[in-house]
Every structure is written in C-alpha cells, then in structure tokens.
Amino acid sequence: MVERRAGRPPRMDRATIARAAGEIGVDQVSLRSVAERLGVSVPGLYHYVRGRDDLLRLAAEESAAMIALPVDRGQHWSLWLLEWADVIRRTFAESPALLTQVMSGAFGLDRMVDALETVIAALVCRGFGAREAFEAYILVTQCAMGAAVIEIRHRETELANHPIALDYQRVFAQRDPSDLGHLRAMLTDGPPPEVKPIDQIMTVLAGIATRRGDDWPEIVTQLWRHAQT
C-alpha cells in the first residue's frame, strides 16, 4: 500500500495529480494509489481526471519528462547518442507500461519540444545540422525502443520458462518437412542467434557516421572500448 502523506492535503489540480502519479510510476499507478498518496478520496480525483486512462496518460507524461538527457561532457557525438540510447532502453525495459503509453501516442508534442531542442542543440554543437540532428535522434531513439521491446519479451519468455526455440519446433512440426528449409538448417546449429542491444545501436551509429562521411570503423572501435569499460 502506498504511504499516505501526513498533514493537510495539497491544493488539488491536474499538475499535483500528475506529480503524484509520476512518483508512483506508470506500472503501479491507480486512482486509489494516487488518492492515498495525496490523502484524498477517489471520487475527489474525478473532479480533475476523467478516469484510469487519463491518469495513466498523466503518469506517462510526468515519467517521460523525468527522463534525463546525457550530461554534456564534450564527448563525441556518437558517445553522446550511445548514452542516450542506453537511457531510453533501460527506462522502457524497466517500465513496459510507459512504453505502451508512448507507442499509443498518449501525450503530445508540447511535452517533448524542450527535450528535442536540447538534443538538437547538443548535436549542432558537434557539427550536425538541425535537421540532421533531429533525424539522428529519431533513429537512435527508435532503435533503443525496439531494443527495449526485445528485452521485455526475453524477460517474459524466461519467466514463463518457454524458450523461443520450442516455438520454432512447434511450428516446424505443423509444417511439411520440406518447408522453411533455411530456418530448419539454422536451428540445427543451436538456438536462434540473439542480437544484443549494443549490436543494434552500434549498427545505427555506424550508419549515421557513414552518412556524415566520418571514419565509422574508428568510431565503432572507440565505442566498443567505451562499452567494455
């Protein structure tokens, strides 16, 4: 149970409710947990929120606003974006409900523009054009979100103790032995290969470097060295 705050309840408004929802977290938030945290009744919340979906949107907005951009230490643009990708991957892998809210478009551009401006400014200072910086940010963010989805799936598979290789074998058993020859041959050497998040983001960063005319093999080498420290 969420601890009730002592003393006089705060002045109620959507911003207060959003802060409380963000503190609880999208994956645990409910009307009851917010009401208990604020020391008010659940019916009282309905004067300010339209229901659970509205509350989840507020919690997601607040949680997304708290995602911290990498500290600008003058690091190479590729390292800055690698750090950003790691932040996004870990944030969404740890909060599937937040990822769901983002993917559903639950909150608008007005909550994102300040972060976007900071990202673009950081990359412009490193030689990017504004449009180029925006495209790089989108590519890296989407890659990191995809990595988070895969991480969530792997975690759920492990919890269910149901390896993906068993699903392949089930499908193979239902198909003619002459079907899916390449997949069958691949799996005779072991389970399906696992693409690690670092491999995914390295590929994206190498592509950005190539488009910029940078020495992408050297950049990737430096990033691998950093990742292993």
C-alpha atoms as a PDB file:
ATOM      1  CA  MET A   1       0.000   0.000   0.000  1.00  0.00           C
ATOM      2  CA  VAL A   2       1.224   3.494  -0.870  1.00  0.00           C
ATOM      3  CA  GLU A   3       2.001   5.525   2.222  1.00  0.00           C
ATOM      4  CA  ARG A   4      -0.463   8.303   2.920  1.00  0.00           C
ATOM      5  CA  ARG A   5       1.102  11.701   3.348  1.00  0.00           C
ATOM      6  CA  ALA A   6       0.597  13.272   6.747  1.00  0.00           C
ATOM      7  CA  GLY A   7      -0.737  16.758   7.270  1.00  0.00           C
ATOM      8  CA  ARG A   8      -3.026  18.924   5.213  1.00  0.00           C
ATOM      9  CA  PRO A   9      -3.788  17.629   1.708  1.00  0.00           C
ATOM     10  CA  PRO A  10      -2.171  19.685  -1.077  1.00  0.00           C
ATOM     11  CA  ARG A  11      -4.156  22.015  -3.260  1.00  0.00           C
ATOM     12  CA  MET A  12      -5.641  19.746  -5.877  1.00  0.00           C
ATOM     13  CA  ASP A  13      -5.128  20.247  -9.586  1.00  0.00           C
ATOM     14  CA  ARG A  14      -4.003  18.122 -12.532  1.00  0.00           C
ATOM     15  CA  ALA A  15      -0.370  19.092 -12.047  1.00  0.00           C
ATOM     16  CA  THR A  16      -0.423  17.854  -8.450  1.00  0.00           C
ATOM     17  CA  ILE A  17      -2.070  14.611  -9.505  1.00  0.00           C
ATOM     18  CA  ALA A  18       0.443  14.189 -12.346  1.00  0.00           C
ATOM     19  CA  ARG A  19       3.383  14.582  -9.949  1.00  0.00           C
ATOM     20  CA  ALA A  20       1.937  12.006  -7.581  1.00  0.00           C
ATOM     21  CA  ALA A  21       1.238   9.607 -10.445  1.00  0.00           C
ATOM     22  CA  GLY A  22       4.757  10.060 -11.774  1.00  0.00           C
ATOM     23  CA  GLU A  23       6.257   9.363  -8.347  1.00  0.00           C
ATOM     24  CA  ILE A  24       4.282   6.123  -8.087  1.00  0.00           C
ATOM     25  CA  GLY A  25       5.181   5.070 -11.633  1.00  0.00           C
ATOM     26  CA  VAL A  26       3.136   4.121 -14.668  1.00  0.00           C
ATOM     27  CA  ASP A  27       3.363   0.391 -13.952  1.00  0.00           C
ATOM     28  CA  GLN A  28       1.914   0.708 -10.425  1.00  0.00           C
ATOM     29  CA  VAL A  29      -0.299   3.780 -10.613  1.00  0.00           C
ATOM     30  CA  SER A  30      -4.036   3.609  -9.953  1.00  0.00           C
ATOM     31  CA  LEU A  31      -6.714   6.037  -8.859  1.00  0.00           C
ATOM     32  CA  ARG A  32      -6.620   4.503  -5.383  1.00  0.00           C
ATOM     33  CA  SER A  33      -2.828   4.719  -5.056  1.00  0.00           C
ATOM     34  CA  VAL A  34      -2.830   8.381  -6.101  1.00  0.00           C
ATOM     35  CA  ALA A  35      -5.715   9.188  -3.765  1.00  0.00           C
ATOM     36  CA  GLU A  36      -3.914   7.530  -0.848  1.00  0.00           C
ATOM     37  CA  ARG A  37      -0.681   9.319  -1.669  1.00  0.00           C
ATOM     38  CA  LEU A  38      -2.412  12.699  -1.749  1.00  0.00           C
ATOM     39  CA  GLY A  39      -4.685  11.997   1.215  1.00  0.00           C
ATOM     40  CA  VAL A  40      -7.909  12.491  -0.743  1.00  0.00           C
ATOM     41  CA  SER A  41     -10.811  10.301  -1.819  1.00  0.00           C
ATOM     42  CA  VAL A  42     -11.002   8.502  -5.156  1.00  0.00           C
ATOM     43  CA  PRO A  43     -14.261  10.304  -6.045  1.00  0.00           C
ATOM     44  CA  GLY A  44     -12.437  13.555  -5.357  1.00  0.00           C
ATOM     45  CA  LEU A  45      -9.932  12.774  -8.103  1.00  0.00           C
ATOM     46  CA  TYR A  46     -12.720  12.583 -10.657  1.00  0.00           C
ATOM     47  CA  HIS A  47     -13.086  16.352 -10.439  1.00  0.00           C
ATOM     48  CA  TYR A  48      -9.684  16.576 -12.150  1.00  0.00           C
ATOM     49  CA  VAL A  49      -9.161  13.348 -14.139  1.00  0.00           C
ATOM     50  CA  ARG A  50     -11.582  11.535 -16.400  1.00  0.00           C
ATOM     51  CA  GLY A  51     -10.642   8.030 -15.292  1.00  0.00           C
ATOM     52  CA  ARG A  52      -7.855   5.464 -15.317  1.00  0.00           C
ATOM     53  CA  ASP A  53      -6.749   6.080 -18.907  1.00  0.00           C
ATOM     54  CA  ASP A  54      -6.466   9.806 -18.251  1.00  0.00           C
ATOM     55  CA  LEU A  55      -4.473   9.084 -15.086  1.00  0.00           C
ATOM     56  CA  LEU A  56      -2.121   6.740 -16.972  1.00  0.00           C
ATOM     57  CA  ARG A  57      -1.533   9.469 -19.544  1.00  0.00           C
ATOM     58  CA  LEU A  58      -0.662  11.956 -16.801  1.00  0.00           C
ATOM     59  CA  ALA A  59       1.693   9.446 -15.189  1.00  0.00           C
ATOM     60  CA  ALA A  60       3.364   8.745 -18.534  1.00  0.00           C
ATOM     61  CA  GLU A  61       3.811  12.440 -19.275  1.00  0.00           C
ATOM     62  CA  GLU A  62       5.366  13.016 -15.880  1.00  0.00           C
ATOM     63  CA  SER A  63       7.623   9.957 -16.138  1.00  0.00           C
ATOM     64  CA  ALA A  64       8.749  10.890 -19.652  1.00  0.00           C
ATOM     65  CA  ALA A  65       9.513  14.425 -18.502  1.00  0.00           C
ATOM     66  CA  MET A  66      11.823  12.992 -15.834  1.00  0.00           C
ATOM     67  CA  ILE A  67      13.989  11.073 -18.344  1.00  0.00           C
ATOM     68  CA  ALA A  68      17.364  12.777 -18.110  1.00  0.00           C
ATOM     69  CA  LEU A  69      19.404  13.525 -21.211  1.00  0.00           C
ATOM     70  CA  PRO A  70      23.098  12.567 -21.119  1.00  0.00           C
ATOM     71  CA  VAL A  71      25.350  15.048 -19.360  1.00  0.00           C
ATOM     72  CA  ASP A  72      27.230  17.146 -21.893  1.00  0.00           C
ATOM     73  CA  ARG A  73      30.902  16.485 -21.115  1.00  0.00           C
ATOM     74  CA  GLY A  74      32.107  17.440 -24.552  1.00  0.00           C
ATOM     75  CA  GLN A  75      32.063  13.760 -25.585  1.00  0.00           C
ATOM     76  CA  HIS A  76      31.984  12.732 -29.242  1.00  0.00           C
ATOM     77  CA  TRP A  77      28.522  12.830 -30.797  1.00  0.00           C
ATOM     78  CA  SER A  78      28.473   9.032 -31.155  1.00  0.00           C
ATOM     79  CA  LEU A  79      29.159   8.537 -27.452  1.00  0.00           C
ATOM     80  CA  TRP A  80      26.501  11.102 -26.523  1.00  0.00           C
ATOM     81  CA  LEU A  81      23.945   9.226 -28.645  1.00  0.00           C
ATOM     82  CA  LEU A  82      25.108   5.865 -27.278  1.00  0.00           C
ATOM     83  CA  GLU A  83      24.490   7.133 -23.749  1.00  0.00           C
ATOM     84  CA  TRP A  84      21.066   8.420 -24.800  1.00  0.00           C
ATOM     85  CA  ALA A  85      20.184   5.046 -26.326  1.00  0.00           C
ATOM     86  CA  ASP A  86      21.146   3.306 -23.089  1.00  0.00           C
ATOM     87  CA  VAL A  87      18.939   5.664 -21.061  1.00  0.00           C
ATOM     88  CA  ILE A  88      15.944   5.044 -23.327  1.00  0.00           C
ATOM     89  CA  ARG A  89      16.441   1.269 -23.471  1.00  0.00           C
ATOM     90  CA  ARG A  90      16.739   0.885 -19.708  1.00  0.00           C
ATOM     91  CA  THR A  91      13.854   3.275 -18.980  1.00  0.00           C
ATOM     92  CA  PHE A  92      11.367   1.476 -21.208  1.00  0.00           C
ATOM     93  CA  ALA A  93      12.611  -2.035 -20.452  1.00  0.00           C
ATOM     94  CA  GLU A  94      12.008  -1.320 -16.762  1.00  0.00           C
ATOM     95  CA  SER A  95       8.582   0.228 -17.417  1.00  0.00           C
ATOM     96  CA  PRO A  96       6.608  -1.627 -20.115  1.00  0.00           C
ATOM     97  CA  ALA A  97       3.513   0.421 -19.255  1.00  0.00           C
ATOM     98  CA  LEU A  98       5.382   3.644 -20.053  1.00  0.00           C
ATOM     99  CA  LEU A  99       6.489   2.172 -23.376  1.00  0.00           C
ATOM    100  CA  THR A 100       2.880   1.252 -24.149  1.00  0.00           C
ATOM    101  CA  GLN A 101       1.736   4.800 -23.432  1.00  0.00           C
ATOM    102  CA  VAL A 102       4.435   6.292 -25.650  1.00  0.00           C
ATOM    103  CA  MET A 103       3.661   3.904 -28.509  1.00  0.00           C
ATOM    104  CA  SER A 104      -0.039   4.741 -28.292  1.00  0.00           C
ATOM    105  CA  GLY A 105       0.696   8.461 -28.616  1.00  0.00           C
ATOM    106  CA  ALA A 106      -0.816   9.170 -25.231  1.00  0.00           C
ATOM    107  CA  PHE A 107       0.826  12.565 -24.874  1.00  0.00           C
ATOM    108  CA  GLY A 108       1.622  15.310 -27.287  1.00  0.00           C
ATOM    109  CA  LEU A 109       4.476  17.318 -28.708  1.00  0.00           C
ATOM    110  CA  ASP A 110       4.175  20.065 -26.097  1.00  0.00           C
ATOM    111  CA  ARG A 111       5.797  17.737 -23.526  1.00  0.00           C
ATOM    112  CA  MET A 112       8.655  16.841 -25.885  1.00  0.00           C
ATOM    113  CA  VAL A 113       9.790  20.058 -27.543  1.00  0.00           C
ATOM    114  CA  ASP A 114      12.119  21.211 -24.749  1.00  0.00           C
ATOM    115  CA  ALA A 115      13.977  17.892 -24.765  1.00  0.00           C
ATOM    116  CA  LEU A 116      14.095  17.928 -28.571  1.00  0.00           C
ATOM    117  CA  GLU A 117      15.589  21.426 -28.535  1.00  0.00           C
ATOM    118  CA  THR A 118      18.257  20.314 -26.056  1.00  0.00           C
ATOM    119  CA  VAL A 119      19.118  17.265 -28.163  1.00  0.00           C
ATOM    120  CA  ILE A 120      19.380  19.255 -31.369  1.00  0.00           C
ATOM    121  CA  ALA A 121      21.484  21.924 -29.659  1.00  0.00           C
ATOM    122  CA  ALA A 122      23.870  19.265 -28.297  1.00  0.00           C
ATOM    123  CA  LEU A 123      24.369  17.741 -31.739  1.00  0.00           C
ATOM    124  CA  VAL A 124      24.582  21.061 -33.573  1.00  0.00           C
ATOM    125  CA  CYS A 125      27.464  21.940 -31.256  1.00  0.00           C
ATOM    126  CA  ARG A 126      29.114  18.758 -32.549  1.00  0.00           C
ATOM    127  CA  GLY A 127      28.836  19.697 -36.204  1.00  0.00           C
ATOM    128  CA  PHE A 128      25.348  18.482 -37.127  1.00  0.00           C
ATOM    129  CA  GLY A 129      22.767  20.487 -38.999  1.00  0.00           C
ATOM    130  CA  ALA A 130      19.465  20.878 -37.163  1.00  0.00           C
ATOM    131  CA  ARG A 131      17.579  18.510 -39.486  1.00  0.00           C
ATOM    132  CA  GLU A 132      20.450  16.014 -39.442  1.00  0.00           C
ATOM    133  CA  ALA A 133      20.470  16.141 -35.631  1.00  0.00           C
ATOM    134  CA  PHE A 134      16.723  15.517 -35.469  1.00  0.00           C
ATOM    135  CA  GLU A 135      16.982  12.538 -37.811  1.00  0.00           C
ATOM    136  CA  ALA A 136      19.861  11.052 -35.791  1.00  0.00           C
ATOM    137  CA  TYR A 137      17.877  11.458 -32.569  1.00  0.00           C
ATOM    138  CA  ILE A 138      14.825   9.730 -34.059  1.00  0.00           C
ATOM    139  CA  LEU A 139      16.891   6.847 -35.466  1.00  0.00           C
ATOM    140  CA  VAL A 140      18.666   6.210 -32.174  1.00  0.00           C
ATOM    141  CA  THR A 141      15.513   6.586 -30.080  1.00  0.00           C
ATOM    142  CA  GLN A 142      13.520   4.187 -32.246  1.00  0.00           C
ATOM    143  CA  CYS A 143      16.359   1.657 -32.175  1.00  0.00           C
ATOM    144  CA  ALA A 144      16.570   1.895 -28.375  1.00  0.00           C
ATOM    145  CA  MET A 145      12.805   1.462 -28.018  1.00  0.00           C
ATOM    146  CA  GLY A 146      12.961  -1.616 -30.233  1.00  0.00           C
ATOM    147  CA  ALA A 147      15.752  -2.998 -28.074  1.00  0.00           C
ATOM    148  CA  ALA A 148      13.573  -2.410 -25.009  1.00  0.00           C
ATOM    149  CA  VAL A 149      10.710  -4.368 -26.608  1.00  0.00           C
ATOM    150  CA  ILE A 150      13.040  -7.308 -27.278  1.00  0.00           C
ATOM    151  CA  GLU A 151      14.387  -7.148 -23.727  1.00  0.00           C
ATOM    152  CA  ILE A 152      10.853  -7.200 -22.308  1.00  0.00           C
ATOM    153  CA  ARG A 153       9.941 -10.189 -24.480  1.00  0.00           C
ATOM    154  CA  HIS A 154      13.062 -12.083 -23.433  1.00  0.00           C
ATOM    155  CA  ARG A 155      12.302 -11.414 -19.779  1.00  0.00           C
ATOM    156  CA  GLU A 156       8.742 -12.648 -20.136  1.00  0.00           C
ATOM    157  CA  THR A 157       9.933 -15.733 -22.012  1.00  0.00           C
ATOM    158  CA  GLU A 158      12.411 -16.545 -19.271  1.00  0.00           C
ATOM    159  CA  LEU A 159       9.778 -16.075 -16.587  1.00  0.00           C
ATOM    160  CA  ALA A 160       7.469 -18.427 -18.464  1.00  0.00           C
ATOM    161  CA  ASN A 161      10.361 -20.875 -18.942  1.00  0.00           C
ATOM    162  CA  HIS A 162       9.396 -21.188 -22.602  1.00  0.00           C
ATOM    163  CA  PRO A 163      12.435 -20.767 -24.897  1.00  0.00           C
ATOM    164  CA  ILE A 164      11.734 -19.397 -28.365  1.00  0.00           C
ATOM    165  CA  ALA A 165      13.397 -22.488 -29.842  1.00  0.00           C
ATOM    166  CA  LEU A 166      10.424 -24.525 -28.606  1.00  0.00           C
ATOM    167  CA  ASP A 167       8.058 -22.300 -30.585  1.00  0.00           C
ATOM    168  CA  TYR A 168      10.104 -22.894 -33.724  1.00  0.00           C
ATOM    169  CA  GLN A 169       9.967 -26.642 -33.167  1.00  0.00           C
ATOM    170  CA  ARG A 170       6.197 -26.468 -32.657  1.00  0.00           C
ATOM    171  CA  VAL A 171       5.771 -24.601 -35.955  1.00  0.00           C
ATOM    172  CA  PHE A 172       8.113 -26.971 -37.779  1.00  0.00           C
ATOM    173  CA  ALA A 173       6.066 -29.947 -36.567  1.00  0.00           C
ATOM    174  CA  GLN A 174       2.922 -28.428 -38.082  1.00  0.00           C
ATOM    175  CA  ARG A 175       4.505 -27.792 -41.481  1.00  0.00           C
ATOM    176  CA  ASP A 176       5.673 -30.054 -44.272  1.00  0.00           C
ATOM    177  CA  PRO A 177       9.288 -31.192 -43.684  1.00  0.00           C
ATOM    178  CA  SER A 178      10.296 -29.525 -46.959  1.00  0.00           C
ATOM    179  CA  ASP A 179       9.093 -26.097 -45.771  1.00  0.00           C
ATOM    180  CA  LEU A 180      11.214 -23.494 -44.011  1.00  0.00           C
ATOM    181  CA  GLY A 181      14.476 -25.087 -45.041  1.00  0.00           C
ATOM    182  CA  HIS A 182      16.734 -22.179 -44.146  1.00  0.00           C
ATOM    183  CA  LEU A 183      15.252 -21.802 -40.666  1.00  0.00           C
ATOM    184  CA  ARG A 184      15.499 -25.528 -40.029  1.00  0.00           C
ATOM    185  CA  ALA A 185      19.130 -25.570 -41.122  1.00  0.00           C
ATOM    186  CA  MET A 186      19.980 -22.567 -38.961  1.00  0.00           C
ATOM    187  CA  LEU A 187      18.452 -24.110 -35.850  1.00  0.00           C
ATOM    188  CA  THR A 188      20.370 -27.351 -36.225  1.00  0.00           C
ATOM    189  CA  ASP A 189      23.393 -25.339 -35.035  1.00  0.00           C
ATOM    190  CA  GLY A 190      21.652 -24.189 -31.863  1.00  0.00           C
ATOM    191  CA  PRO A 191      19.058 -21.649 -30.645  1.00  0.00           C
ATOM    192  CA  PRO A 192      18.219 -18.586 -32.777  1.00  0.00           C
ATOM    193  CA  PRO A 193      21.031 -16.015 -32.680  1.00  0.00           C
ATOM    194  CA  GLU A 194      20.430 -13.200 -30.232  1.00  0.00           C
ATOM    195  CA  VAL A 195      21.001  -9.641 -31.412  1.00  0.00           C
ATOM    196  CA  LYS A 196      22.193  -7.684 -28.408  1.00  0.00           C
ATOM    197  CA  PRO A 197      21.098  -4.065 -27.853  1.00  0.00           C
ATOM    198  CA  ILE A 198      24.681  -2.847 -28.187  1.00  0.00           C
ATOM    199  CA  ASP A 199      24.914  -4.501 -31.621  1.00  0.00           C
ATOM    200  CA  GLN A 200      21.751  -2.753 -32.750  1.00  0.00           C
ATOM    201  CA  ILE A 201      22.767   0.709 -31.639  1.00  0.00           C
ATOM    202  CA  MET A 202      26.316   0.289 -32.989  1.00  0.00           C
ATOM    203  CA  THR A 203      24.871  -0.502 -36.405  1.00  0.00           C
ATOM    204  CA  VAL A 204      22.718   2.630 -36.317  1.00  0.00           C
ATOM    205  CA  LEU A 205      25.608   4.831 -35.161  1.00  0.00           C
ATOM    206  CA  ALA A 206      27.870   3.384 -37.853  1.00  0.00           C
ATOM    207  CA  GLY A 207      25.194   4.251 -40.410  1.00  0.00           C
ATOM    208  CA  ILE A 208      24.933   7.837 -39.138  1.00  0.00           C
ATOM    209  CA  ALA A 209      28.727   8.156 -39.250  1.00  0.00           C
ATOM    210  CA  THR A 210      28.788   6.836 -42.827  1.00  0.00           C
ATOM    211  CA  ARG A 211      26.167   9.349 -43.941  1.00  0.00           C
ATOM    212  CA  ARG A 212      28.224  12.122 -42.344  1.00  0.00           C
ATOM    213  CA  GLY A 213      31.418  10.961 -44.036  1.00  0.00           C
ATOM    214  CA  ASP A 214      33.059  10.174 -40.681  1.00  0.00           C
ATOM    215  CA  ASP A 215      35.506   7.340 -40.081  1.00  0.00           C
ATOM    216  CA  TRP A 216      32.887   4.870 -38.929  1.00  0.00           C
ATOM    217  CA  PRO A 217      35.235   1.914 -38.214  1.00  0.00           C
ATOM    218  CA  GLU A 218      37.267   4.100 -35.848  1.00  0.00           C
ATOM    219  CA  ILE A 219      34.100   5.433 -34.203  1.00  0.00           C
ATOM    220  CA  VAL A 220      32.738   1.927 -33.652  1.00  0.00           C
ATOM    221  CA  THR A 221      36.078   0.773 -32.259  1.00  0.00           C
ATOM    222  CA  GLN A 222      36.107   3.630 -29.760  1.00  0.00           C
ATOM    223  CA  LEU A 223      32.501   2.948 -28.755  1.00  0.00           C
ATOM    224  CA  TRP A 224      33.235  -0.750 -28.196  1.00  0.00           C
ATOM    225  CA  ARG A 225      36.153   0.186 -25.972  1.00  0.00           C
ATOM    226  CA  HIS A 226      33.911   2.511 -24.004  1.00  0.00           C
ATOM    227  CA  ALA A 227      31.153  -0.126 -23.691  1.00  0.00           C
ATOM    228  CA  GLN A 228      33.612  -2.656 -22.288  1.00  0.00           C
ATOM    229  CA  THR A 229      34.919  -0.361 -19.533  1.00  0.00           C
END
